[in-house]
N, C-alpha and C. Protein backbone atom coordinates (compact mmCIF):
# COMPACT_ATOMS: atom_id res chain seq x y z
N UNK A 1 9.20 -2.05 9.52
CA UNK A 1 8.22 -1.01 9.74
C UNK A 1 7.73 -0.50 8.40
N UNK A 2 6.44 -0.24 8.29
CA UNK A 2 5.86 0.26 7.06
C UNK A 2 5.89 1.78 7.03
N UNK A 3 5.74 2.33 5.85
CA UNK A 3 5.61 3.78 5.71
C UNK A 3 4.25 4.08 5.13
N UNK A 4 3.47 4.93 5.75
CA UNK A 4 3.67 5.49 7.09
C UNK A 4 3.47 4.40 8.15
N UNK A 5 4.09 4.59 9.28
CA UNK A 5 4.04 3.56 10.32
C UNK A 5 2.65 3.42 10.94
N UNK A 6 1.88 4.49 11.00
CA UNK A 6 0.52 4.44 11.53
C UNK A 6 -0.45 4.14 10.39
N UNK A 7 -1.13 2.99 10.42
CA UNK A 7 -2.02 2.63 9.31
C UNK A 7 -3.18 3.61 9.13
N UNK A 8 -3.51 4.39 10.16
CA UNK A 8 -4.56 5.39 10.02
C UNK A 8 -4.16 6.49 9.03
N UNK A 9 -2.87 6.66 8.81
CA UNK A 9 -2.36 7.70 7.93
C UNK A 9 -2.13 7.22 6.50
N UNK A 10 -2.47 5.97 6.22
CA UNK A 10 -2.28 5.45 4.87
C UNK A 10 -3.19 6.17 3.90
N UNK A 11 -2.76 6.25 2.66
CA UNK A 11 -3.57 6.82 1.59
C UNK A 11 -3.84 5.71 0.58
N UNK A 12 -5.06 5.17 0.57
CA UNK A 12 -5.37 4.04 -0.31
C UNK A 12 -5.01 4.29 -1.77
N UNK A 13 -5.29 5.47 -2.28
CA UNK A 13 -4.95 5.75 -3.68
C UNK A 13 -3.44 5.79 -3.87
N UNK A 14 -2.72 6.29 -2.88
CA UNK A 14 -1.26 6.28 -2.94
C UNK A 14 -0.71 4.87 -2.92
N UNK A 15 -1.32 4.01 -2.11
CA UNK A 15 -0.91 2.60 -2.07
C UNK A 15 -1.15 1.93 -3.43
N UNK A 16 -2.26 2.28 -4.06
CA UNK A 16 -2.54 1.74 -5.39
C UNK A 16 -1.45 2.20 -6.36
N UNK A 17 -1.07 3.46 -6.30
CA UNK A 17 -0.02 3.97 -7.18
C UNK A 17 1.31 3.27 -6.92
N UNK A 18 1.61 3.00 -5.65
CA UNK A 18 2.84 2.27 -5.32
C UNK A 18 2.80 0.87 -5.93
N UNK A 19 1.65 0.20 -5.83
CA UNK A 19 1.50 -1.14 -6.40
C UNK A 19 1.70 -1.11 -7.90
N UNK A 20 1.08 -0.17 -8.56
CA UNK A 20 1.17 -0.06 -10.01
C UNK A 20 2.60 0.25 -10.43
N UNK A 21 3.28 1.12 -9.69
CA UNK A 21 4.66 1.47 -10.06
C UNK A 21 5.59 0.27 -9.95
N UNK A 22 5.22 -0.71 -9.14
CA UNK A 22 6.01 -1.94 -9.02
C UNK A 22 5.64 -2.98 -10.08
N UNK A 23 4.57 -2.71 -10.82
CA UNK A 23 4.12 -3.67 -11.82
C UNK A 23 3.46 -4.89 -11.21
N UNK A 24 2.85 -4.71 -10.04
CA UNK A 24 2.21 -5.81 -9.32
C UNK A 24 0.72 -5.84 -9.67
N UNK A 25 0.23 -7.01 -10.05
CA UNK A 25 -1.19 -7.14 -10.36
C UNK A 25 -2.02 -7.12 -9.08
N UNK A 26 -3.31 -6.89 -9.24
CA UNK A 26 -4.22 -6.93 -8.08
C UNK A 26 -4.19 -8.30 -7.43
N UNK A 27 -4.16 -9.33 -8.25
CA UNK A 27 -4.17 -10.69 -7.73
C UNK A 27 -2.92 -10.97 -6.90
N UNK A 28 -1.76 -10.56 -7.42
CA UNK A 28 -0.50 -10.79 -6.71
C UNK A 28 -0.47 -9.98 -5.41
N UNK A 29 -0.94 -8.75 -5.47
CA UNK A 29 -0.95 -7.90 -4.27
C UNK A 29 -1.88 -8.49 -3.21
N UNK A 30 -3.07 -8.89 -3.62
CA UNK A 30 -4.02 -9.47 -2.68
C UNK A 30 -3.45 -10.73 -2.05
N UNK A 31 -2.81 -11.57 -2.85
CA UNK A 31 -2.20 -12.80 -2.35
C UNK A 31 -1.09 -12.48 -1.35
N UNK A 32 -0.23 -11.53 -1.68
CA UNK A 32 0.87 -11.15 -0.79
C UNK A 32 0.35 -10.57 0.52
N UNK A 33 -0.74 -9.81 0.44
CA UNK A 33 -1.32 -9.17 1.62
C UNK A 33 -2.21 -10.12 2.42
N UNK A 34 -2.58 -11.25 1.82
CA UNK A 34 -3.46 -12.20 2.51
C UNK A 34 -4.90 -11.72 2.58
N UNK A 35 -5.32 -11.00 1.53
CA UNK A 35 -6.70 -10.50 1.44
C UNK A 35 -7.28 -10.92 0.10
N UNK A 36 -8.57 -10.68 -0.10
CA UNK A 36 -9.18 -11.00 -1.38
C UNK A 36 -8.98 -9.84 -2.36
N UNK A 37 -9.12 -10.15 -3.63
CA UNK A 37 -9.03 -9.12 -4.67
C UNK A 37 -10.12 -8.06 -4.45
N UNK A 38 -11.29 -8.50 -4.00
CA UNK A 38 -12.39 -7.57 -3.75
C UNK A 38 -12.05 -6.62 -2.60
N UNK A 39 -11.43 -7.15 -1.53
CA UNK A 39 -11.03 -6.29 -0.42
C UNK A 39 -9.99 -5.27 -0.88
N UNK A 40 -9.04 -5.71 -1.71
CA UNK A 40 -8.04 -4.80 -2.23
C UNK A 40 -8.68 -3.73 -3.09
N UNK A 41 -9.60 -4.13 -3.96
CA UNK A 41 -10.31 -3.17 -4.81
C UNK A 41 -11.03 -2.13 -3.97
N UNK A 42 -11.77 -2.58 -2.98
CA UNK A 42 -12.52 -1.65 -2.12
C UNK A 42 -11.57 -0.69 -1.41
N UNK A 43 -10.44 -1.22 -0.91
CA UNK A 43 -9.46 -0.39 -0.21
C UNK A 43 -8.86 0.65 -1.16
N UNK A 44 -8.38 0.20 -2.32
CA UNK A 44 -7.71 1.11 -3.25
C UNK A 44 -8.63 2.17 -3.83
N UNK A 45 -9.92 1.91 -3.83
CA UNK A 45 -10.87 2.87 -4.39
C UNK A 45 -11.61 3.67 -3.32
N UNK A 46 -11.07 3.68 -2.11
CA UNK A 46 -11.65 4.48 -1.04
C UNK A 46 -11.47 5.95 -1.36
N UNK A 47 -12.56 6.69 -1.32
CA UNK A 47 -12.50 8.13 -1.55
C UNK A 47 -11.80 8.82 -0.38
N UNK A 48 -11.13 9.95 -0.62
CA UNK A 48 -10.38 10.62 0.45
C UNK A 48 -11.21 10.97 1.69
N UNK A 49 -12.50 11.20 1.53
CA UNK A 49 -13.34 11.58 2.67
C UNK A 49 -14.03 10.38 3.31
N UNK A 50 -13.65 9.18 2.93
CA UNK A 50 -14.26 7.95 3.47
C UNK A 50 -13.28 7.21 4.35
N UNK A 51 -13.81 6.37 5.22
CA UNK A 51 -12.95 5.55 6.08
C UNK A 51 -12.66 4.22 5.40
N UNK A 52 -11.54 3.63 5.79
CA UNK A 52 -11.14 2.34 5.25
C UNK A 52 -10.80 1.42 6.41
N UNK A 53 -10.72 0.14 6.11
CA UNK A 53 -10.39 -0.87 7.12
C UNK A 53 -8.92 -0.74 7.51
N UNK A 54 -8.68 -0.51 8.79
CA UNK A 54 -7.32 -0.40 9.30
C UNK A 54 -6.59 -1.74 9.16
N UNK A 55 -7.30 -2.84 9.36
CA UNK A 55 -6.69 -4.17 9.22
C UNK A 55 -6.21 -4.39 7.78
N UNK A 56 -7.02 -4.00 6.81
CA UNK A 56 -6.63 -4.12 5.40
C UNK A 56 -5.46 -3.19 5.12
N UNK A 57 -5.50 -1.97 5.64
CA UNK A 57 -4.42 -1.01 5.43
C UNK A 57 -3.09 -1.55 5.96
N UNK A 58 -3.12 -2.18 7.13
CA UNK A 58 -1.89 -2.79 7.69
C UNK A 58 -1.34 -3.85 6.76
N UNK A 59 -2.21 -4.72 6.28
CA UNK A 59 -1.78 -5.82 5.41
C UNK A 59 -1.22 -5.30 4.09
N UNK A 60 -1.90 -4.32 3.51
CA UNK A 60 -1.44 -3.73 2.25
C UNK A 60 -0.09 -3.05 2.46
N UNK A 61 0.05 -2.30 3.55
CA UNK A 61 1.32 -1.63 3.83
C UNK A 61 2.47 -2.60 3.98
N UNK A 62 2.25 -3.67 4.70
CA UNK A 62 3.29 -4.69 4.89
C UNK A 62 3.63 -5.37 3.57
N UNK A 63 2.61 -5.65 2.77
CA UNK A 63 2.85 -6.29 1.47
C UNK A 63 3.64 -5.36 0.55
N UNK A 64 3.31 -4.08 0.56
CA UNK A 64 4.05 -3.12 -0.26
C UNK A 64 5.51 -3.06 0.14
N UNK A 65 5.78 -3.05 1.44
CA UNK A 65 7.17 -3.01 1.91
C UNK A 65 7.92 -4.26 1.45
N UNK A 66 7.29 -5.42 1.55
CA UNK A 66 7.91 -6.67 1.11
C UNK A 66 8.19 -6.63 -0.39
N UNK A 67 7.21 -6.20 -1.16
CA UNK A 67 7.38 -6.16 -2.61
C UNK A 67 8.42 -5.13 -3.03
N UNK A 68 8.44 -3.98 -2.38
CA UNK A 68 9.41 -2.95 -2.73
C UNK A 68 10.84 -3.39 -2.40
N UNK A 69 10.99 -4.26 -1.43
CA UNK A 69 12.32 -4.74 -1.05
C UNK A 69 12.86 -5.74 -2.06
N UNK A 70 11.97 -6.32 -2.87
CA UNK A 70 12.41 -7.36 -3.79
C UNK A 70 12.24 -7.02 -5.26
N UNK A 71 11.68 -5.85 -5.54
CA UNK A 71 11.43 -5.47 -6.94
C UNK A 71 11.99 -4.10 -7.25
N UNK A 72 12.29 -3.88 -8.49
CA UNK A 72 12.70 -2.57 -8.95
C UNK A 72 11.47 -1.86 -9.50
N UNK A 73 11.15 -0.68 -8.95
CA UNK A 73 9.97 0.02 -9.45
C UNK A 73 10.12 0.43 -10.91
N UNK A 74 9.02 0.44 -11.61
CA UNK A 74 9.02 0.91 -12.99
C UNK A 74 9.07 2.42 -13.03
N UNK A 75 8.72 3.06 -11.92
CA UNK A 75 8.72 4.51 -11.80
C UNK A 75 9.55 4.87 -10.58
N UNK A 76 10.43 5.87 -10.70
CA UNK A 76 11.23 6.32 -9.57
C UNK A 76 10.43 7.35 -8.79
N UNK A 77 10.01 6.97 -7.58
CA UNK A 77 9.24 7.88 -6.73
C UNK A 77 10.12 8.64 -5.75
N UNK A 78 11.42 8.53 -5.89
CA UNK A 78 12.32 9.21 -4.98
C UNK A 78 12.52 8.41 -3.70
N UNK A 79 13.32 8.95 -2.79
CA UNK A 79 13.59 8.22 -1.55
C UNK A 79 12.34 8.15 -0.66
N UNK A 80 12.32 7.15 0.19
CA UNK A 80 11.23 7.00 1.15
C UNK A 80 11.37 8.10 2.20
N UNK A 81 10.32 8.87 2.45
CA UNK A 81 10.39 9.91 3.47
C UNK A 81 10.63 9.33 4.85
N UNK A 82 11.23 10.11 5.70
CA UNK A 82 11.54 9.67 7.05
C UNK A 82 10.51 10.28 7.98
N UNK A 83 9.95 9.43 8.87
CA UNK A 83 9.01 9.94 9.87
C UNK A 83 9.79 10.68 10.94
N UNK A 84 9.42 11.91 11.20
CA UNK A 84 10.05 12.70 12.25
C UNK A 84 9.08 12.90 13.38
N UNK A 85 9.53 12.66 14.58
CA UNK A 85 8.68 12.93 15.76
C UNK A 85 8.67 14.42 15.99
N UNK A 86 7.48 14.95 16.21
CA UNK A 86 7.36 16.40 16.47
C UNK A 86 7.70 16.74 17.87
């Protein structure tokens, strides 16, 4: 399961920061996510008040989870938050 589990709640700029903290290049991230570098660029540069592709968000989220499971981050972002049902 990805964090956040609902791709509508993803934050593209936050995902970019997660990628950078892992030391992952755009090319490697796009390859892992199965998208183009251009799609990744467009997703990561989505302004907070704009919509993004949910399909791309799902792929990026899954790729981040895979990469985080196999790499040591260059930056300690603390523990992964737990989703709580209200």
